[in-house]
Amino acid sequence: EMLRAAEAARSQFLLGYVRLSIDSANLRSAVRSARMGKGADFLRRALIPGGNVSLDSITAAVTGRGELTQVFSHTYLEAAAASGAEAVKGGALTDFERLCDNALTAYLTQGKRVAFGEHPLIGYLYAKENELTTIRIILTGRLAGLDSDTIRERLRESYV
């Protein structure tokens, strides 16, 4: 639905953000699916079409016919994919999740240089959403009894 709305808006910047969001969701699904030991059929049902990365290449990487790092190389999600590959082997998901969100922030930050148009509005809305995520991370970390350094490690880059 977001992809159709972005296409209807005829904004390449918004379309790029939505496609990157889809790729991020697909990468997260791929990593979680691989960690759970699910097969290609399960993953195909979880993936969302419309991103920059083909669903077949993601499925192939998870089922052993490729690597996530290669599939997402030269994209904003390159670092997240490398962290996801480590998470599949049993590493922590917190760094992986943070890197996925930071990739979206990095994409939207390029719109800061545009004075007029939809770029500042899209960035502002994302910044507000990011602030809520930050508050949620801090409050959840405090409720879980985590120390300040651990909570700080989990915070996303801000869109400032």
C-alpha atoms as a PDB file:
ATOM      1  CA  GLU A   1       0.000   0.000   0.000  1.00  0.00           C
ATOM      2  CA  MET A   2       2.822   2.389   0.830  1.00  0.00           C
ATOM      3  CA  LEU A   3       4.475   1.546  -2.485  1.00  0.00           C
ATOM      4  CA  ARG A   4       1.299   2.342  -4.425  1.00  0.00           C
ATOM      5  CA  ALA A   5       0.909   5.626  -2.520  1.00  0.00           C
ATOM      6  CA  ALA A   6       4.538   6.589  -3.215  1.00  0.00           C
ATOM      7  CA  GLU A   7       4.108   5.787  -6.906  1.00  0.00           C
ATOM      8  CA  ALA A   8       0.914   7.860  -7.017  1.00  0.00           C
ATOM      9  CA  ALA A   9       2.731  10.777  -5.353  1.00  0.00           C
ATOM     10  CA  ARG A  10       5.345  10.663  -8.143  1.00  0.00           C
ATOM     11  CA  SER A  11       8.161  11.357  -5.721  1.00  0.00           C
ATOM     12  CA  GLN A  12      11.378   9.520  -6.443  1.00  0.00           C
ATOM     13  CA  PHE A  13      12.646  10.366  -2.969  1.00  0.00           C
ATOM     14  CA  LEU A  14       9.556   8.920  -1.280  1.00  0.00           C
ATOM     15  CA  LEU A  15       9.629   5.915  -3.595  1.00  0.00           C
ATOM     16  CA  GLY A  16      13.272   5.310  -2.662  1.00  0.00           C
ATOM     17  CA  TYR A  17      12.388   5.480   1.031  1.00  0.00           C
ATOM     18  CA  VAL A  18       9.523   3.014   0.648  1.00  0.00           C
ATOM     19  CA  ARG A  19      11.633   0.596  -1.393  1.00  0.00           C
ATOM     20  CA  LEU A  20      14.404   0.789   1.210  1.00  0.00           C
ATOM     21  CA  SER A  21      11.834   0.199   3.968  1.00  0.00           C
ATOM     22  CA  ILE A  22      10.660  -2.901   2.107  1.00  0.00           C
ATOM     23  CA  ASP A  23      14.245  -4.115   1.732  1.00  0.00           C
ATOM     24  CA  SER A  24      14.813  -3.533   5.448  1.00  0.00           C
ATOM     25  CA  ALA A  25      11.682  -5.493   6.371  1.00  0.00           C
ATOM     26  CA  ASN A  26      12.710  -8.281   3.996  1.00  0.00           C
ATOM     27  CA  LEU A  27      16.219  -8.429   5.457  1.00  0.00           C
ATOM     28  CA  ARG A  28      14.770  -8.643   8.960  1.00  0.00           C
ATOM     29  CA  SER A  29      12.402 -11.419   7.867  1.00  0.00           C
ATOM     30  CA  ALA A  30      15.244 -13.293   6.191  1.00  0.00           C
ATOM     31  CA  VAL A  31      17.475 -13.147   9.260  1.00  0.00           C
ATOM     32  CA  ARG A  32      14.703 -14.191  11.628  1.00  0.00           C
ATOM     33  CA  SER A  33      13.589 -16.969   9.303  1.00  0.00           C
ATOM     34  CA  ALA A  34      17.141 -18.312   9.060  1.00  0.00           C
ATOM     35  CA  ARG A  35      17.573 -18.136  12.849  1.00  0.00           C
ATOM     36  CA  MET A  36      14.383 -20.164  13.300  1.00  0.00           C
ATOM     37  CA  GLY A  37      15.519 -22.702  10.711  1.00  0.00           C
ATOM     38  CA  LYS A  38      12.511 -22.137   8.476  1.00  0.00           C
ATOM     39  CA  GLY A  39      12.551 -23.117   4.831  1.00  0.00           C
ATOM     40  CA  ALA A  40      12.164 -21.218   1.586  1.00  0.00           C
ATOM     41  CA  ASP A  41       8.364 -21.588   1.503  1.00  0.00           C
ATOM     42  CA  PHE A  42       7.989 -19.906   4.877  1.00  0.00           C
ATOM     43  CA  LEU A  43      10.327 -17.097   3.845  1.00  0.00           C
ATOM     44  CA  ARG A  44       8.554 -16.491   0.527  1.00  0.00           C
ATOM     45  CA  ARG A  45       5.295 -15.923   2.408  1.00  0.00           C
ATOM     46  CA  ALA A  46       6.989 -13.428   4.739  1.00  0.00           C
ATOM     47  CA  LEU A  47       8.765 -11.341   2.090  1.00  0.00           C
ATOM     48  CA  ILE A  48       7.224  -8.191   0.633  1.00  0.00           C
ATOM     49  CA  PRO A  49       7.516  -7.488  -3.110  1.00  0.00           C
ATOM     50  CA  GLY A  50       8.506  -4.061  -4.387  1.00  0.00           C
ATOM     51  CA  GLY A  51      11.920  -3.480  -2.859  1.00  0.00           C
ATOM     52  CA  ASN A  52      15.208  -2.831  -4.635  1.00  0.00           C
ATOM     53  CA  VAL A  53      16.497  -6.349  -3.921  1.00  0.00           C
ATOM     54  CA  SER A  54      14.837  -9.304  -5.648  1.00  0.00           C
ATOM     55  CA  LEU A  55      12.942 -11.761  -3.478  1.00  0.00           C
ATOM     56  CA  ASP A  56      14.563 -14.701  -5.272  1.00  0.00           C
ATOM     57  CA  SER A  57      18.059 -13.522  -4.346  1.00  0.00           C
ATOM     58  CA  ILE A  58      17.047 -13.088  -0.693  1.00  0.00           C
ATOM     59  CA  THR A  59      15.484 -16.548  -0.625  1.00  0.00           C
ATOM     60  CA  ALA A  60      18.568 -18.051  -2.292  1.00  0.00           C
ATOM     61  CA  ALA A  61      20.856 -16.409   0.260  1.00  0.00           C
ATOM     62  CA  VAL A  62      18.884 -17.766   3.205  1.00  0.00           C
ATOM     63  CA  THR A  63      18.589 -21.272   1.772  1.00  0.00           C
ATOM     64  CA  GLY A  64      22.345 -21.524   1.261  1.00  0.00           C
ATOM     65  CA  ARG A  65      22.750 -20.650  -2.412  1.00  0.00           C
ATOM     66  CA  GLY A  66      24.270 -17.237  -1.689  1.00  0.00           C
ATOM     67  CA  GLU A  67      25.106 -14.773   1.051  1.00  0.00           C
ATOM     68  CA  LEU A  68      23.061 -11.944   2.504  1.00  0.00           C
ATOM     69  CA  THR A  69      26.112  -9.698   2.473  1.00  0.00           C
ATOM     70  CA  GLN A  70      26.438 -10.109  -1.295  1.00  0.00           C
ATOM     71  CA  VAL A  71      22.717  -9.656  -1.912  1.00  0.00           C
ATOM     72  CA  PHE A  72      22.673  -6.319  -0.082  1.00  0.00           C
ATOM     73  CA  SER A  73      26.152  -5.137  -1.091  1.00  0.00           C
ATOM     74  CA  HIS A  74      26.284  -1.594  -2.464  1.00  0.00           C
ATOM     75  CA  THR A  75      22.993  -0.673  -0.777  1.00  0.00           C
ATOM     76  CA  TYR A  76      22.215   1.306   2.345  1.00  0.00           C
ATOM     77  CA  LEU A  77      21.666  -2.045   4.100  1.00  0.00           C
ATOM     78  CA  GLU A  78      25.145  -3.427   3.446  1.00  0.00           C
ATOM     79  CA  ALA A  79      26.333  -3.090   7.064  1.00  0.00           C
ATOM     80  CA  ALA A  80      23.018  -4.403   8.377  1.00  0.00           C
ATOM     81  CA  ALA A  81      23.271  -7.460   6.134  1.00  0.00           C
ATOM     82  CA  ALA A  82      26.759  -8.220   7.455  1.00  0.00           C
ATOM     83  CA  SER A  83      25.467  -7.918  11.001  1.00  0.00           C
ATOM     84  CA  GLY A  84      22.460 -10.055  10.046  1.00  0.00           C
ATOM     85  CA  ALA A  85      24.748 -12.786   8.748  1.00  0.00           C
ATOM     86  CA  GLU A  86      26.420 -12.823  12.168  1.00  0.00           C
ATOM     87  CA  ALA A  87      23.030 -12.854  13.893  1.00  0.00           C
ATOM     88  CA  VAL A  88      22.018 -15.914  11.862  1.00  0.00           C
ATOM     89  CA  LYS A  89      25.034 -17.717  13.318  1.00  0.00           C
ATOM     90  CA  GLY A  90      23.795 -16.958  16.817  1.00  0.00           C
ATOM     91  CA  GLY A  91      24.906 -13.373  17.325  1.00  0.00           C
ATOM     92  CA  ALA A  92      22.794 -10.682  18.938  1.00  0.00           C
ATOM     93  CA  LEU A  93      19.926  -9.109  17.037  1.00  0.00           C
ATOM     94  CA  THR A  94      20.195  -5.709  18.731  1.00  0.00           C
ATOM     95  CA  ASP A  95      23.061  -4.419  16.584  1.00  0.00           C
ATOM     96  CA  PHE A  96      21.410  -5.799  13.462  1.00  0.00           C
ATOM     97  CA  GLU A  97      18.112  -4.036  14.235  1.00  0.00           C
ATOM     98  CA  ARG A  98      19.921  -0.774  14.945  1.00  0.00           C
ATOM     99  CA  LEU A  99      21.822  -0.950  11.652  1.00  0.00           C
ATOM    100  CA  CYS A 100      18.597  -1.574   9.707  1.00  0.00           C
ATOM    101  CA  ASP A 101      17.052   1.564  11.189  1.00  0.00           C
ATOM    102  CA  ASN A 102      20.260   3.548  10.694  1.00  0.00           C
ATOM    103  CA  ALA A 103      20.181   2.682   6.975  1.00  0.00           C
ATOM    104  CA  LEU A 104      16.790   4.369   6.657  1.00  0.00           C
ATOM    105  CA  THR A 105      18.111   7.399   8.525  1.00  0.00           C
ATOM    106  CA  ALA A 106      21.131   7.585   6.213  1.00  0.00           C
ATOM    107  CA  TYR A 107      18.875   7.571   3.155  1.00  0.00           C
ATOM    108  CA  LEU A 108      16.569  10.255   4.519  1.00  0.00           C
ATOM    109  CA  THR A 109      19.472  12.443   5.644  1.00  0.00           C
ATOM    110  CA  GLN A 110      20.348  13.133   2.019  1.00  0.00           C
ATOM    111  CA  GLY A 111      17.032  15.000   1.741  1.00  0.00           C
ATOM    112  CA  LYS A 112      18.207  17.592   4.267  1.00  0.00           C
ATOM    113  CA  ARG A 113      20.030  19.437   1.511  1.00  0.00           C
ATOM    114  CA  VAL A 114      16.787  20.057  -0.382  1.00  0.00           C
ATOM    115  CA  ALA A 115      15.098  23.293   0.669  1.00  0.00           C
ATOM    116  CA  PHE A 116      11.765  22.900  -1.095  1.00  0.00           C
ATOM    117  CA  GLY A 117       9.651  19.899  -1.956  1.00  0.00           C
ATOM    118  CA  GLU A 118       8.619  16.798  -0.099  1.00  0.00           C
ATOM    119  CA  HIS A 119      12.099  15.921   1.215  1.00  0.00           C
ATOM    120  CA  PRO A 120      11.951  18.026   4.413  1.00  0.00           C
ATOM    121  CA  LEU A 121       8.424  16.872   5.218  1.00  0.00           C
ATOM    122  CA  ILE A 122       9.288  13.193   4.803  1.00  0.00           C
ATOM    123  CA  GLY A 123      12.414  13.697   6.902  1.00  0.00           C
ATOM    124  CA  TYR A 124      10.458  15.497   9.612  1.00  0.00           C
ATOM    125  CA  LEU A 125       7.861  12.718   9.839  1.00  0.00           C
ATOM    126  CA  TYR A 126      10.603  10.115  10.036  1.00  0.00           C
ATOM    127  CA  ALA A 127      12.413  12.137  12.716  1.00  0.00           C
ATOM    128  CA  LYS A 128       9.258  12.186  14.848  1.00  0.00           C
ATOM    129  CA  GLU A 129       8.839   8.439  14.404  1.00  0.00           C
ATOM    130  CA  ASN A 130      12.505   7.940  15.294  1.00  0.00           C
ATOM    131  CA  GLU A 131      12.060  10.016  18.461  1.00  0.00           C
ATOM    132  CA  LEU A 132       9.222   7.753  19.574  1.00  0.00           C
ATOM    133  CA  THR A 133      11.386   4.704  18.921  1.00  0.00           C
ATOM    134  CA  THR A 134      14.159   6.249  21.014  1.00  0.00           C
ATOM    135  CA  ILE A 135      11.772   6.910  23.894  1.00  0.00           C
ATOM    136  CA  ARG A 136      10.466   3.351  23.664  1.00  0.00           C
ATOM    137  CA  ILE A 137      14.001   1.917  23.728  1.00  0.00           C
ATOM    138  CA  ILE A 138      14.952   4.006  26.774  1.00  0.00           C
ATOM    139  CA  LEU A 139      11.798   3.186  28.723  1.00  0.00           C
ATOM    140  CA  THR A 140      11.911  -0.506  27.861  1.00  0.00           C
ATOM    141  CA  GLY A 141      15.582  -0.670  28.786  1.00  0.00           C
ATOM    142  CA  ARG A 142      14.932   1.009  32.123  1.00  0.00           C
ATOM    143  CA  LEU A 143      12.019  -1.322  32.861  1.00  0.00           C
ATOM    144  CA  ALA A 144      14.255  -4.295  32.047  1.00  0.00           C
ATOM    145  CA  GLY A 145      16.900  -2.990  34.433  1.00  0.00           C
ATOM    146  CA  LEU A 146      19.559  -2.379  31.785  1.00  0.00           C
ATOM    147  CA  ASP A 147      22.409  -0.019  32.547  1.00  0.00           C
ATOM    148  CA  SER A 148      22.763   3.286  30.686  1.00  0.00           C
ATOM    149  CA  ASP A 149      25.635   2.094  28.483  1.00  0.00           C
ATOM    150  CA  THR A 150      23.657  -0.892  27.209  1.00  0.00           C
ATOM    151  CA  ILE A 151      20.665   1.297  26.450  1.00  0.00           C
ATOM    152  CA  ARG A 152      22.891   3.842  24.681  1.00  0.00           C
ATOM    153  CA  GLU A 153      24.307   1.068  22.442  1.00  0.00           C
ATOM    154  CA  ARG A 154      20.795   0.210  21.272  1.00  0.00           C
ATOM    155  CA  LEU A 155      19.811   3.751  20.306  1.00  0.00           C
ATOM    156  CA  ARG A 156      19.466   4.580  16.622  1.00  0.00           C
ATOM    157  CA  GLU A 157      21.149   7.450  14.830  1.00  0.00           C
ATOM    158  CA  SER A 158      19.023  10.548  15.048  1.00  0.00           C
ATOM    159  CA  TYR A 159      17.780  12.576  12.121  1.00  0.00           C
ATOM    160  CA  VAL A 160      19.082  15.937  13.318  1.00  0.00           C
END
